PDB file of N, CA and C in Angstrom:
ATOM      1  N   MET A   1      55.516 -10.357 -15.163  1.00  0.00           N
ATOM      2  CA  MET A   1      54.491 -11.378 -15.260  1.00  0.00           C
ATOM      3  C   MET A   1      53.535 -11.408 -13.867  1.00  0.00           C
ATOM      4  N   GLN A   2      53.535 -10.301 -13.530  1.00  0.00           N
ATOM      5  CA  GLN A   2      52.640 -10.097 -12.145  1.00  0.00           C
ATOM      6  C   GLN A   2      50.951  -9.940 -12.492  1.00  0.00           C
ATOM      7  N   ARG A   3      50.213 -10.928 -11.769  1.00  0.00           N
ATOM      8  CA  ARG A   3      48.990 -10.595 -11.888  1.00  0.00           C
ATOM      9  C   ARG A   3      48.188 -10.562 -10.704  1.00  0.00           C
ATOM     10  N   GLY A   4      47.218  -9.647 -10.371  1.00  0.00           N
ATOM     11  CA  GLY A   4      46.398  -9.523  -9.422  1.00  0.00           C
ATOM     12  C   GLY A   4      47.057  -8.719  -8.465  1.00  0.00           C
ATOM     13  N   ALA A   5      46.558  -8.657  -7.136  1.00  0.00           N
ATOM     14  CA  ALA A   5      47.231  -8.017  -5.913  1.00  0.00           C
ATOM     15  C   ALA A   5      48.447  -8.889  -5.602  1.00  0.00           C
ATOM     16  N   THR A   6      49.641  -8.337  -5.617  1.00  0.00           N
ATOM     17  CA  THR A   6      50.661  -8.969  -5.142  1.00  0.00           C
ATOM     18  C   THR A   6      51.611  -8.489  -3.899  1.00  0.00           C
ATOM     19  N   LYS A   7      52.413  -9.037  -3.502  1.00  0.00           N
ATOM     20  CA  LYS A   7      53.399  -8.752  -2.530  1.00  0.00           C
ATOM     21  C   LYS A   7      54.688  -8.439  -3.154  1.00  0.00           C
ATOM     22  N   VAL A   8      55.328  -7.398  -2.826  1.00  0.00           N
ATOM     23  CA  VAL A   8      56.620  -7.257  -3.471  1.00  0.00           C
ATOM     24  C   VAL A   8      57.381  -8.594  -2.875  1.00  0.00           C
ATOM     25  N   GLY A   9      58.149  -8.842  -3.933  1.00  0.00           N
ATOM     26  CA  GLY A   9      59.060 -10.043  -3.287  1.00  0.00           C
ATOM     27  C   GLY A   9      58.584 -11.450  -3.360  1.00  0.00           C
ATOM     28  N   LEU A  10      57.187 -11.620  -3.228  1.00  0.00           N
ATOM     29  CA  LEU A  10      56.522 -12.831  -3.210  1.00  0.00           C
ATOM     30  C   LEU A  10      55.909 -13.082  -4.662  1.00  0.00           C
ATOM     31  N   GLY A  11      56.840 -14.171  -5.406  1.00  0.00           N
ATOM     32  CA  GLY A  11      56.325 -14.582  -6.663  1.00  0.00           C
ATOM     33  C   GLY A  11      55.624 -15.864  -6.553  1.00  0.00           C
ATOM     34  N   LEU A  12      55.212 -16.226  -7.965  1.00  0.00           N
ATOM     35  CA  LEU A  12      54.183 -17.371  -8.067  1.00  0.00           C
ATOM     36  C   LEU A  12      55.214 -18.798  -7.887  1.00  0.00           C
ATOM     37  N   ASP A  13      56.548 -18.621  -8.055  1.00  0.00           N
ATOM     38  CA  ASP A  13      57.240 -19.700  -7.666  1.00  0.00           C
ATOM     39  C   ASP A  13      57.469 -19.933  -6.242  1.00  0.00           C
ATOM     40  N   ASP A  14      57.443 -18.689  -5.602  1.00  0.00           N
ATOM     41  CA  ASP A  14      57.432 -18.859  -4.155  1.00  0.00           C
ATOM     42  C   ASP A  14      56.100 -19.738  -3.532  1.00  0.00           C
ATOM     43  N   ILE A  15      55.091 -19.193  -4.174  1.00  0.00           N
ATOM     44  CA  ILE A  15      53.910 -19.706  -3.628  1.00  0.00           C
ATOM     45  C   ILE A  15      53.574 -21.480  -4.150  1.00  0.00           C
ATOM     46  N   ARG A  16      54.087 -21.531  -5.420  1.00  0.00           N
ATOM     47  CA  ARG A  16      54.247 -22.991  -5.841  1.00  0.00           C
ATOM     48  C   ARG A  16      55.155 -23.963  -4.875  1.00  0.00           C
ATOM     49  N   SER A  17      56.244 -23.204  -4.222  1.00  0.00           N
ATOM     50  CA  SER A  17      57.153 -24.272  -3.387  1.00  0.00           C
ATOM     51  C   SER A  17      56.557 -24.567  -2.328  1.00  0.00           C
ATOM     52  N   VAL A  18      55.539 -23.954  -1.664  1.00  0.00           N
ATOM     53  CA  VAL A  18      54.726 -24.035  -0.322  1.00  0.00           C
ATOM     54  C   VAL A  18      54.037 -25.272  -0.423  1.00  0.00           C
ATOM     55  N   ASN A  19      54.495 -26.379   0.739  1.00  0.00           N
ATOM     56  CA  ASN A  19      54.196 -27.371   0.660  1.00  0.00           C
ATOM     57  C   ASN A  19      52.685 -27.561   1.651  1.00  0.00           C
ATOM     58  N   VAL A  20      51.618 -27.767   1.252  1.00  0.00           N
ATOM     59  CA  VAL A  20      50.233 -27.635   1.754  1.00  0.00           C
ATOM     60  C   VAL A  20      50.015 -29.105   2.345  1.00  0.00           C
ATOM     61  N   PRO A  21      49.790 -29.366   3.419  1.00  0.00           N
ATOM     62  CA  PRO A  21      49.669 -30.818   3.933  1.00  0.00           C
ATOM     63  C   PRO A  21      48.302 -31.193   3.597  1.00  0.00           C
ATOM     64  N   LEU A  22      47.876 -32.432   3.152  1.00  0.00           N
ATOM     65  CA  LEU A  22      46.529 -32.850   3.165  1.00  0.00           C
ATOM     66  C   LEU A  22      46.525 -33.930   3.886  1.00  0.00           C
ATOM     67  N   PRO A  23      45.109 -34.228   4.630  1.00  0.00           N
ATOM     68  CA  PRO A  23      44.835 -35.593   5.349  1.00  0.00           C
ATOM     69  C   PRO A  23      44.869 -36.753   4.277  1.00  0.00           C
ATOM     70  N   PRO A  24      45.101 -37.992   4.856  1.00  0.00           N
ATOM     71  CA  PRO A  24      44.840 -39.052   3.991  1.00  0.00           C
ATOM     72  C   PRO A  24      43.687 -39.117   3.206  1.00  0.00           C
ATOM     73  N   GLY A  25      43.588 -40.055   2.272  1.00  0.00           N
ATOM     74  CA  GLY A  25      42.348 -40.178   1.279  1.00  0.00           C
ATOM     75  C   GLY A  25      40.965 -40.441   2.339  1.00  0.00           C
ATOM     76  N   ASN A  26      41.330 -41.496   3.137  1.00  0.00           N
ATOM     77  CA  ASN A  26      39.759 -41.789   3.788  1.00  0.00           C
ATOM     78  C   ASN A  26      39.590 -40.847   4.617  1.00  0.00           C
ATOM     79  N   GLU A  27      40.550 -39.849   5.315  1.00  0.00           N
ATOM     80  CA  GLU A  27      39.870 -38.727   6.008  1.00  0.00           C
ATOM     81  C   GLU A  27      39.228 -37.582   5.041  1.00  0.00           C
ATOM     82  N   GLN A  28      39.855 -37.559   4.080  1.00  0.00           N
ATOM     83  CA  GLN A  28      39.180 -36.298   2.905  1.00  0.00           C
ATOM     84  C   GLN A  28      37.737 -37.003   2.661  1.00  0.00           C
ATOM     85  N   LYS A  29      37.657 -38.178   2.406  1.00  0.00           N
ATOM     86  CA  LYS A  29      36.466 -38.741   2.189  1.00  0.00           C
ATOM     87  C   LYS A  29      35.372 -38.555   3.318  1.00  0.00           C
ATOM     88  N   ARG A  30      35.945 -38.685   4.431  1.00  0.00           N
ATOM     89  CA  ARG A  30      34.956 -38.406   5.553  1.00  0.00           C
ATOM     90  C   ARG A  30      34.656 -36.917   5.859  1.00  0.00           C
ATOM     91  N   ILE A  31      35.556 -36.207   5.367  1.00  0.00           N
ATOM     92  CA  ILE A  31      35.200 -34.591   5.407  1.00  0.00           C
ATOM     93  C   ILE A  31      34.175 -34.233   4.719  1.00  0.00           C
ATOM     94  N   VAL A  32      34.377 -34.818   3.565  1.00  0.00           N
ATOM     95  CA  VAL A  32      33.548 -34.587   2.455  1.00  0.00           C
ATOM     96  C   VAL A  32      32.030 -34.910   2.553  1.00  0.00           C
ATOM     97  N   ALA A  33      31.984 -36.275   3.370  1.00  0.00           N
ATOM     98  CA  ALA A  33      30.614 -36.847   3.796  1.00  0.00           C
ATOM     99  C   ALA A  33      29.911 -35.867   4.830  1.00  0.00           C
ATOM    100  N   GLU A  34      30.739 -35.676   5.513  1.00  0.00           N
ATOM    101  CA  GLU A  34      30.064 -34.612   6.437  1.00  0.00           C
ATOM    102  C   GLU A  34      29.798 -33.364   6.020  1.00  0.00           C
ATOM    103  N   ILE A  35      30.502 -32.704   5.084  1.00  0.00           N
ATOM    104  CA  ILE A  35      30.118 -31.451   4.713  1.00  0.00           C
ATOM    105  C   ILE A  35      28.856 -31.710   3.676  1.00  0.00           C
ATOM    106  N   GLU A  36      28.844 -32.717   3.337  1.00  0.00           N
ATOM    107  CA  GLU A  36      27.716 -33.041   2.392  1.00  0.00           C
ATOM    108  C   GLU A  36      26.261 -33.177   3.167  1.00  0.00           C
ATOM    109  N   ARG A  37      26.501 -34.056   4.416  1.00  0.00           N
ATOM    110  CA  ARG A  37      25.548 -34.104   5.641  1.00  0.00           C
ATOM    111  C   ARG A  37      25.084 -32.637   5.996  1.00  0.00           C
ATOM    112  N   ILE A  38      25.932 -31.733   6.372  1.00  0.00           N
ATOM    113  CA  ILE A  38      25.688 -30.610   6.848  1.00  0.00           C
ATOM    114  C   ILE A  38      24.920 -29.676   5.874  1.00  0.00           C
ATOM    115  N   PHE A  39      25.252 -29.722   4.835  1.00  0.00           N
ATOM    116  CA  PHE A  39      24.707 -28.969   3.681  1.00  0.00           C
ATOM    117  C   PHE A  39      23.380 -29.699   3.223  1.00  0.00           C
ATOM    118  N   SER A  40      23.022 -30.906   3.354  1.00  0.00           N
ATOM    119  CA  SER A  40      21.430 -31.310   3.313  1.00  0.00           C
ATOM    120  C   SER A  40      20.901 -30.818   4.503  1.00  0.00           C
ATOM    121  N   GLY A  41      21.267 -30.904   5.601  1.00  0.00           N
ATOM    122  CA  GLY A  41      20.456 -30.570   6.832  1.00  0.00           C
ATOM    123  C   GLY A  41      20.312 -29.025   6.737  1.00  0.00           C
ATOM    124  N   ALA A  42      21.015 -28.069   6.016  1.00  0.00           N
ATOM    125  CA  ALA A  42      20.736 -26.712   5.763  1.00  0.00           C
ATOM    126  C   ALA A  42      19.885 -26.681   4.766  1.00  0.00           C
ATOM    127  N   GLU A  43      19.942 -27.421   3.692  1.00  0.00           N
ATOM    128  CA  GLU A  43      18.769 -27.437   2.770  1.00  0.00           C
ATOM    129  C   GLU A  43      17.269 -27.823   3.233  1.00  0.00           C
ATOM    130  N   GLU A  44      17.466 -28.902   3.923  1.00  0.00           N
ATOM    131  CA  GLU A  44      16.116 -29.245   4.842  1.00  0.00           C
ATOM    132  C   GLU A  44      15.580 -28.089   5.622  1.00  0.00           C
ATOM    133  N   ILE A  45      16.452 -27.495   6.388  1.00  0.00           N
ATOM    134  CA  ILE A  45      16.202 -26.384   7.249  1.00  0.00           C
ATOM    135  C   ILE A  45      15.615 -24.985   6.308  1.00  0.00           C
ATOM    136  N   SER A  46      16.107 -25.004   5.052  1.00  0.00           N
ATOM    137  CA  SER A  46      15.594 -23.922   4.247  1.00  0.00           C
ATOM    138  C   SER A  46      14.250 -24.162   3.818  1.00  0.00           C
ATOM    139  N   ALA A  47      13.984 -25.489   3.349  1.00  0.00           N
ATOM    140  CA  ALA A  47      12.749 -25.558   2.692  1.00  0.00           C
ATOM    141  C   ALA A  47      11.596 -25.615   3.737  1.00  0.00           C
ATOM    142  N   THR A  48      11.891 -26.277   5.235  1.00  0.00           N
ATOM    143  CA  THR A  48      11.049 -26.115   5.982  1.00  0.00           C
ATOM    144  C   THR A  48      10.748 -24.537   6.460  1.00  0.00           C
ATOM    145  N   THR A  49      11.658 -23.724   6.387  1.00  0.00           N
ATOM    146  CA  THR A  49      11.782 -22.228   6.622  1.00  0.00           C
ATOM    147  C   THR A  49      10.884 -21.586   5.487  1.00  0.00           C
ATOM    148  N   SER A  50      10.951 -21.914   4.382  1.00  0.00           N
ATOM    149  CA  SER A  50      10.057 -21.411   3.281  1.00  0.00           C
ATOM    150  C   SER A  50       8.548 -21.839   3.535  1.00  0.00           C
ATOM    151  N   ARG A  51       8.427 -23.275   3.653  1.00  0.00           N
ATOM    152  CA  ARG A  51       7.138 -23.571   4.008  1.00  0.00           C
ATOM    153  C   ARG A  51       6.262 -22.932   5.289  1.00  0.00           C
ATOM    154  N   ASN A  52       7.266 -22.770   6.143  1.00  0.00           N
ATOM    155  CA  ASN A  52       6.408 -22.044   7.434  1.00  0.00           C
ATOM    156  C   ASN A  52       6.266 -20.570   6.982  1.00  0.00           C
ATOM    157  N   GLN A  53       6.878 -19.988   6.196  1.00  0.00           N
ATOM    158  CA  GLN A  53       6.787 -18.593   5.736  1.00  0.00           C
ATOM    159  C   GLN A  53       5.286 -18.530   5.033  1.00  0.00           C
ATOM    160  N   VAL A  54       5.275 -19.489   4.287  1.00  0.00           N
ATOM    161  CA  VAL A  54       3.862 -19.505   3.629  1.00  0.00           C
ATOM    162  C   VAL A  54       2.838 -19.855   4.309  1.00  0.00           C
ATOM    163  N   ARG A  55       3.151 -20.715   5.345  1.00  0.00           N
ATOM    164  CA  ARG A  55       1.859 -21.006   6.342  1.00  0.00           C
ATOM    165  C   ARG A  55       1.841 -20.058   7.350  1.00  0.00           C
ATOM    166  N   CYS A  56       2.748 -19.143   7.679  1.00  0.00           N
ATOM    167  CA  CYS A  56       2.408 -18.018   8.458  1.00  0.00           C
ATOM    168  C   CYS A  56       1.526 -16.968   7.694  1.00  0.00           C
ATOM    169  N   ALA A  57       2.056 -16.792   6.516  1.00  0.00           N
ATOM    170  CA  ALA A  57       1.164 -15.872   5.727  1.00  0.00           C
ATOM    171  C   ALA A  57      -0.194 -16.249   5.383  1.00  0.00           C
ATOM    172  N   ARG A  58      -0.398 -17.653   5.451  1.00  0.00           N
ATOM    173  CA  ARG A  58      -2.028 -18.005   5.488  1.00  0.00           C
ATOM    174  C   ARG A  58      -2.563 -17.761   6.770  1.00  0.00           C
ATOM    175  N   LEU A  59      -1.801 -17.893   7.836  1.00  0.00           N
ATOM    176  CA  LEU A  59      -2.442 -17.916   9.180  1.00  0.00           C
ATOM    177  C   LEU A  59      -2.910 -16.325   9.366  1.00  0.00           C
ATOM    178  N   ARG A  60      -1.988 -15.511   9.224  1.00  0.00           N
ATOM    179  CA  ARG A  60      -2.236 -14.016   9.338  1.00  0.00           C
ATOM    180  C   ARG A  60      -3.600 -13.668   8.689  1.00  0.00           C
ATOM    181  N   GLN A  61      -3.427 -14.064   7.319  1.00  0.00           N
ATOM    182  CA  GLN A  61      -4.635 -13.868   6.463  1.00  0.00           C
ATOM    183  C   GLN A  61      -6.132 -14.353   7.369  1.00  0.00           C
ATOM    184  N   ALA A  62      -5.783 -15.616   7.779  1.00  0.00           N
ATOM    185  CA  ALA A  62      -7.067 -16.191   8.433  1.00  0.00           C
ATOM    186  C   ALA A  62      -7.494 -15.426   9.857  1.00  0.00           C
ATOM    187  N   ILE A  63      -6.306 -15.103  10.585  1.00  0.00           N
ATOM    188  CA  ILE A  63      -6.420 -14.412  11.666  1.00  0.00           C
ATOM    189  C   ILE A  63      -7.189 -13.023  11.381  1.00  0.00           C
ATOM    190  N   LEU A  64      -6.638 -12.366  10.373  1.00  0.00           N
ATOM    191  CA  LEU A  64      -7.548 -10.950  10.061  1.00  0.00           C
ATOM    192  C   LEU A  64      -8.827 -11.354   9.637  1.00  0.00           C
ATOM    193  N   LYS A  65      -9.073 -12.141   9.043  1.00  0.00           N
ATOM    194  CA  LYS A  65     -10.499 -12.405   8.544  1.00  0.00           C
ATOM    195  C   LYS A  65     -11.467 -12.617   9.782  1.00  0.00           C
ATOM    196  N   TRP A  66     -10.824 -13.700  10.748  1.00  0.00           N
ATOM    197  CA  TRP A  66     -11.429 -13.784  11.827  1.00  0.00           C
ATOM    198  C   TRP A  66     -11.954 -12.672  12.574  1.00  0.00           C
ATOM    199  N   ALA A  67     -10.774 -11.836  12.605  1.00  0.00           N
ATOM    200  CA  ALA A  67     -10.964 -10.460  13.509  1.00  0.00           C
ATOM    201  C   ALA A  67     -12.094  -9.654  12.814  1.00  0.00           C
ATOM    202  N   PHE A  68     -11.985  -9.397  11.499  1.00  0.00           N
ATOM    203  CA  PHE A  68     -12.893  -8.680  11.001  1.00  0.00           C
ATOM    204  C   PHE A  68     -14.427  -9.288  10.977  1.00  0.00           C
ATOM    205  N   GLU A  69     -14.407 -10.624  11.129  1.00  0.00           N
ATOM    206  CA  GLU A  69     -15.660 -11.180  11.341  1.00  0.00           C
ATOM    207  C   GLU A  69     -16.276 -11.410  12.765  1.00  0.00           C
ATOM    208  N   GLY A  70     -15.325 -10.574  13.750  1.00  0.00           N
ATOM    209  CA  GLY A  70     -15.501 -10.832  15.039  1.00  0.00           C
ATOM    210  C   GLY A  70     -15.650 -12.235  15.864  1.00  0.00           C
ATOM    211  N   LYS A  71     -14.534 -13.055  15.328  1.00  0.00           N
ATOM    212  CA  LYS A  71     -14.612 -14.531  15.943  1.00  0.00           C
ATOM    213  C   LYS A  71     -13.523 -14.840  16.575  1.00  0.00           C
ATOM    214  N   LEU A  72     -12.579 -13.596  16.803  1.00  0.00           N
ATOM    215  CA  LEU A  72     -11.353 -13.910  17.793  1.00  0.00           C
ATOM    216  C   LEU A  72     -11.688 -13.965  19.213  1.00  0.00           C
ATOM    217  N   ALA A  73     -12.822 -13.275  19.608  1.00  0.00           N
ATOM    218  CA  ALA A  73     -13.317 -13.399  21.195  1.00  0.00           C
ATOM    219  C   ALA A  73     -14.629 -13.368  21.025  1.00  0.00           C
ATOM    220  N   ASP A  74     -15.017 -13.886  22.356  1.00  0.00           N
ATOM    221  CA  ASP A  74     -16.625 -13.766  22.509  1.00  0.00           C
ATOM    222  C   ASP A  74     -17.147 -12.337  22.509  1.00  0.00           C
ATOM    223  N   GLN A  75     -18.215 -12.331  21.904  1.00  0.00           N
ATOM    224  CA  GLN A  75     -18.811 -11.013  21.666  1.00  0.00           C
ATOM    225  C   GLN A  75     -19.939 -10.651  22.977  1.00  0.00           C
ATOM    226  N   ASP A  76     -19.849  -9.712  23.134  1.00  0.00           N
ATOM    227  CA  ASP A  76     -20.751  -9.079  24.356  1.00  0.00           C
ATOM    228  C   ASP A  76     -21.890  -8.695  23.972  1.00  0.00           C
ATOM    229  N   PRO A  77     -22.947  -9.317  24.113  1.00  0.00           N
ATOM    230  CA  PRO A  77     -24.433  -9.095  23.645  1.00  0.00           C
ATOM    231  C   PRO A  77     -24.891  -7.542  23.470  1.00  0.00           C
ATOM    232  N   ARG A  78     -24.225  -6.963  24.640  1.00  0.00           N
ATOM    233  CA  ARG A  78     -24.683  -5.546  24.674  1.00  0.00           C
ATOM    234  C   ARG A  78     -23.908  -4.470  23.912  1.00  0.00           C
ATOM    235  N   ASP A  79     -22.920  -5.139  23.098  1.00  0.00           N
ATOM    236  CA  ASP A  79     -22.055  -4.156  21.945  1.00  0.00           C
ATOM    237  C   ASP A  79     -23.114  -3.945  20.822  1.00  0.00           C
ATOM    238  N   GLU A  80     -22.988  -2.902  20.213  1.00  0.00           N
ATOM    239  CA  GLU A  80     -23.613  -2.377  19.020  1.00  0.00           C
ATOM    240  C   GLU A  80     -22.795  -3.382  18.018  1.00  0.00           C
ATOM    241  N   PRO A  81     -23.677  -3.682  17.200  1.00  0.00           N
ATOM    242  CA  PRO A  81     -23.055  -4.310  15.897  1.00  0.00           C
ATOM    243  C   PRO A  81     -22.184  -3.250  15.099  1.00  0.00           C
ATOM    244  N   ALA A  82     -21.202  -3.752  14.506  1.00  0.00           N
ATOM    245  CA  ALA A  82     -20.221  -3.100  13.550  1.00  0.00           C
ATOM    246  C   ALA A  82     -20.905  -1.966  12.867  1.00  0.00           C
ATOM    247  N   PRO A  83     -21.884  -2.433  12.027  1.00  0.00           N
ATOM    248  CA  PRO A  83     -22.588  -1.528  10.993  1.00  0.00           C
ATOM    249  C   PRO A  83     -23.017  -0.185  11.682  1.00  0.00           C
ATOM    250  N   VAL A  84     -23.716  -0.542  12.939  1.00  0.00           N
ATOM    251  CA  VAL A  84     -24.134   0.482  13.469  1.00  0.00           C
ATOM    252  C   VAL A  84     -23.165   1.325  14.214  1.00  0.00           C
ATOM    253  N   LEU A  85     -22.271   0.963  14.804  1.00  0.00           N
ATOM    254  CA  LEU A  85     -21.337   1.760  15.329  1.00  0.00           C
ATOM    255  C   LEU A  85     -20.350   2.264  14.038  1.00  0.00           C
ATOM    256  N   LEU A  86     -20.214   2.057  13.053  1.00  0.00           N
ATOM    257  CA  LEU A  86     -19.585   2.551  11.812  1.00  0.00           C
ATOM    258  C   LEU A  86     -20.549   3.860  11.547  1.00  0.00           C
ATOM    259  N   LYS A  87     -21.749   3.660  11.468  1.00  0.00           N
ATOM    260  CA  LYS A  87     -22.584   4.657  11.017  1.00  0.00           C
ATOM    261  C   LYS A  87     -22.845   5.812  11.946  1.00  0.00           C
ATOM    262  N   ARG A  88     -22.721   5.576  13.307  1.00  0.00           N
ATOM    263  CA  ARG A  88     -22.621   6.697  14.318  1.00  0.00           C
ATOM    264  C   ARG A  88     -21.356   7.135  14.300  1.00  0.00           C
ATOM    265  N   ILE A  89     -19.993   6.583  14.016  1.00  0.00           N
ATOM    266  CA  ILE A  89     -18.871   7.318  14.156  1.00  0.00           C
ATOM    267  C   ILE A  89     -18.794   8.413  12.878  1.00  0.00           C
ATOM    268  N   LYS A  90     -19.448   7.780  11.658  1.00  0.00           N
ATOM    269  CA  LYS A  90     -19.591   8.676  10.411  1.00  0.00           C
ATOM    270  C   LYS A  90     -20.505   9.828  10.778  1.00  0.00           C
ATOM    271  N   ALA A  91     -21.639   9.789  11.568  1.00  0.00           N
ATOM    272  CA  ALA A  91     -22.466  10.975  11.658  1.00  0.00           C
ATOM    273  C   ALA A  91     -21.682  11.840  12.535  1.00  0.00           C
ATOM    274  N   GLU A  92     -21.145  11.295  13.495  1.00  0.00           N
ATOM    275  CA  GLU A  92     -20.249  12.182  14.615  1.00  0.00           C
ATOM    276  C   GLU A  92     -19.279  12.949  14.004  1.00  0.00           C
ATOM    277  N   ARG A  93     -18.570  12.329  13.007  1.00  0.00           N
ATOM    278  CA  ARG A  93     -17.317  12.958  12.137  1.00  0.00           C
ATOM    279  C   ARG A  93     -18.102  14.201  11.434  1.00  0.00           C
ATOM    280  N   ALA A  94     -19.127  13.797  10.687  1.00  0.00           N
ATOM    281  CA  ALA A  94     -19.759  14.852   9.807  1.00  0.00           C
ATOM    282  C   ALA A  94     -20.600  16.001  10.673  1.00  0.00           C
ATOM    283  N   ALA A  95     -20.762  15.712  11.845  1.00  0.00           N
ATOM    284  CA  ALA A  95     -21.090  16.978  12.726  1.00  0.00           C
ATOM    285  C   ALA A  95     -19.905  17.604  13.260  1.00  0.00           C
ATOM    286  N   SER A  96     -18.875  17.029  13.390  1.00  0.00           N
ATOM    287  CA  SER A  96     -17.687  17.879  14.037  1.00  0.00           C
ATOM    288  C   SER A  96     -17.181  18.651  12.934  1.00  0.00           C
ATOM    289  N   VAL A  97     -17.408  18.279  11.512  1.00  0.00           N
ATOM    290  CA  VAL A  97     -16.577  18.970  10.537  1.00  0.00           C
ATOM    291  C   VAL A  97     -17.217  20.448  10.323  1.00  0.00           C
ATOM    292  N   PRO A  98     -16.443  21.478  10.168  1.00  0.00           N
ATOM    293  CA  PRO A  98     -17.342  22.899  10.151  1.00  0.00           C
ATOM    294  C   PRO A  98     -17.716  22.916   8.538  1.00  0.00           C
ATOM    295  N   THR A  99     -18.598  23.525   8.289  1.00  0.00           N
ATOM    296  CA  THR A  99     -19.200  23.879   6.955  1.00  0.00           C
ATOM    297  C   THR A  99     -18.222  24.905   6.367  1.00  0.00           C
ATOM    298  N   ARG A 100     -18.361  25.170   5.018  1.00  0.00           N
ATOM    299  CA  ARG A 100     -17.836  25.846   4.276  1.00  0.00           C
ATOM    300  C   ARG A 100     -17.334  27.467   4.791  1.00  0.00           C
ATOM    301  N   SER A 101     -18.921  27.751   4.937  1.00  0.00           N
ATOM    302  CA  SER A 101     -18.835  29.450   5.671  1.00  0.00           C
ATOM    303  C   SER A 101     -18.330  29.389   6.966  1.00  0.00           C
ATOM    304  N   GLU A 102     -18.397  28.224   7.841  1.00  0.00           N
ATOM    305  CA  GLU A 102     -17.769  28.332   9.239  1.00  0.00           C
ATOM    306  C   GLU A 102     -16.202  28.357   8.962  1.00  0.00           C
ATOM    307  N   ARG A 103     -15.650  27.505   8.015  1.00  0.00           N
ATOM    308  CA  ARG A 103     -14.195  27.506   7.773  1.00  0.00           C
ATOM    309  C   ARG A 103     -13.778  28.958   7.357  1.00  0.00           C
ATOM    310  N   ILE A 104     -14.582  29.549   6.418  1.00  0.00           N
ATOM    311  CA  ILE A 104     -14.073  30.967   5.944  1.00  0.00           C
ATOM    312  C   ILE A 104     -14.084  31.761   6.917  1.00  0.00           C
ATOM    313  N   SER A 105     -14.929  31.594   7.827  1.00  0.00           N
ATOM    314  CA  SER A 105     -15.194  32.802   9.050  1.00  0.00           C
ATOM    315  C   SER A 105     -14.141  32.626  10.119  1.00  0.00           C
ATOM    316  N   ILE A 106     -13.575  31.217  10.243  1.00  0.00           N
ATOM    317  CA  ILE A 106     -12.395  31.055  11.050  1.00  0.00           C
ATOM    318  C   ILE A 106     -11.155  31.513  10.606  1.00  0.00           C
ATOM    319  N   VAL A 107     -11.103  31.504   9.128  1.00  0.00           N
ATOM    320  CA  VAL A 107      -9.971  31.905   8.546  1.00  0.00           C
ATOM    321  C   VAL A 107      -9.708  33.541   8.388  1.00  0.00           C
ATOM    322  N   ARG A 108     -10.898  34.156   8.317  1.00  0.00           N
ATOM    323  CA  ARG A 108     -10.655  35.698   8.423  1.00  0.00           C
ATOM    324  C   ARG A 108     -10.630  35.881   9.801  1.00  0.00           C
ATOM    325  N   THR A 109     -11.037  35.292  10.785  1.00  0.00           N
ATOM    326  CA  THR A 109     -10.970  35.667  12.402  1.00  0.00           C
ATOM    327  C   THR A 109      -9.472  35.622  12.362  1.00  0.00           C
ATOM    328  N   ARG A 110      -8.894  34.580  12.048  1.00  0.00           N
ATOM    329  CA  ARG A 110      -7.299  34.299  12.418  1.00  0.00           C
ATOM    330  C   ARG A 110      -6.586  35.422  11.601  1.00  0.00           C
ATOM    331  N   LYS A 111      -6.825  36.111  10.553  1.00  0.00           N
ATOM    332  CA  LYS A 111      -6.239  37.056   9.520  1.00  0.00           C
ATOM    333  C   LYS A 111      -6.371  38.562  10.404  1.00  0.00           C
ATOM    334  N   THR A 112      -7.552  38.526  11.031  1.00  0.00           N
ATOM    335  CA  THR A 112      -7.744  39.998  11.854  1.00  0.00           C
ATOM    336  C   THR A 112      -6.899  40.070  13.124  1.00  0.00           C
ATOM    337  N   ALA A 113      -6.950  38.665  13.602  1.00  0.00           N
ATOM    338  CA  ALA A 113      -6.467  38.805  14.971  1.00  0.00           C
ATOM    339  C   ALA A 113      -4.863  39.199  14.985  1.00  0.00           C
TER     340      ALA A 113
END
């Protein structure tokens, strides 16, 4: 009649015969009240954490928006506007990319070397 993980020689009757001391009723009620108070605090902390996570996500989006709008720092009037900078970068990249015939020439040169 053994169930679960058992230890040889330790039967259910042995376990039933063990006396487990319990605190008096009023002490048990105080312990339960304290546990409930702690759980309530933990629930409040969890709710606050959830609200703050949502707030952080919103703030992150706002900061990114401000960054892309150039509102995070004072702008130097001598700086070129972003559209002009992007256009210049694109032109520089296009100028540095070899044409198809130049790429073929490079490949042929490498093969003969």
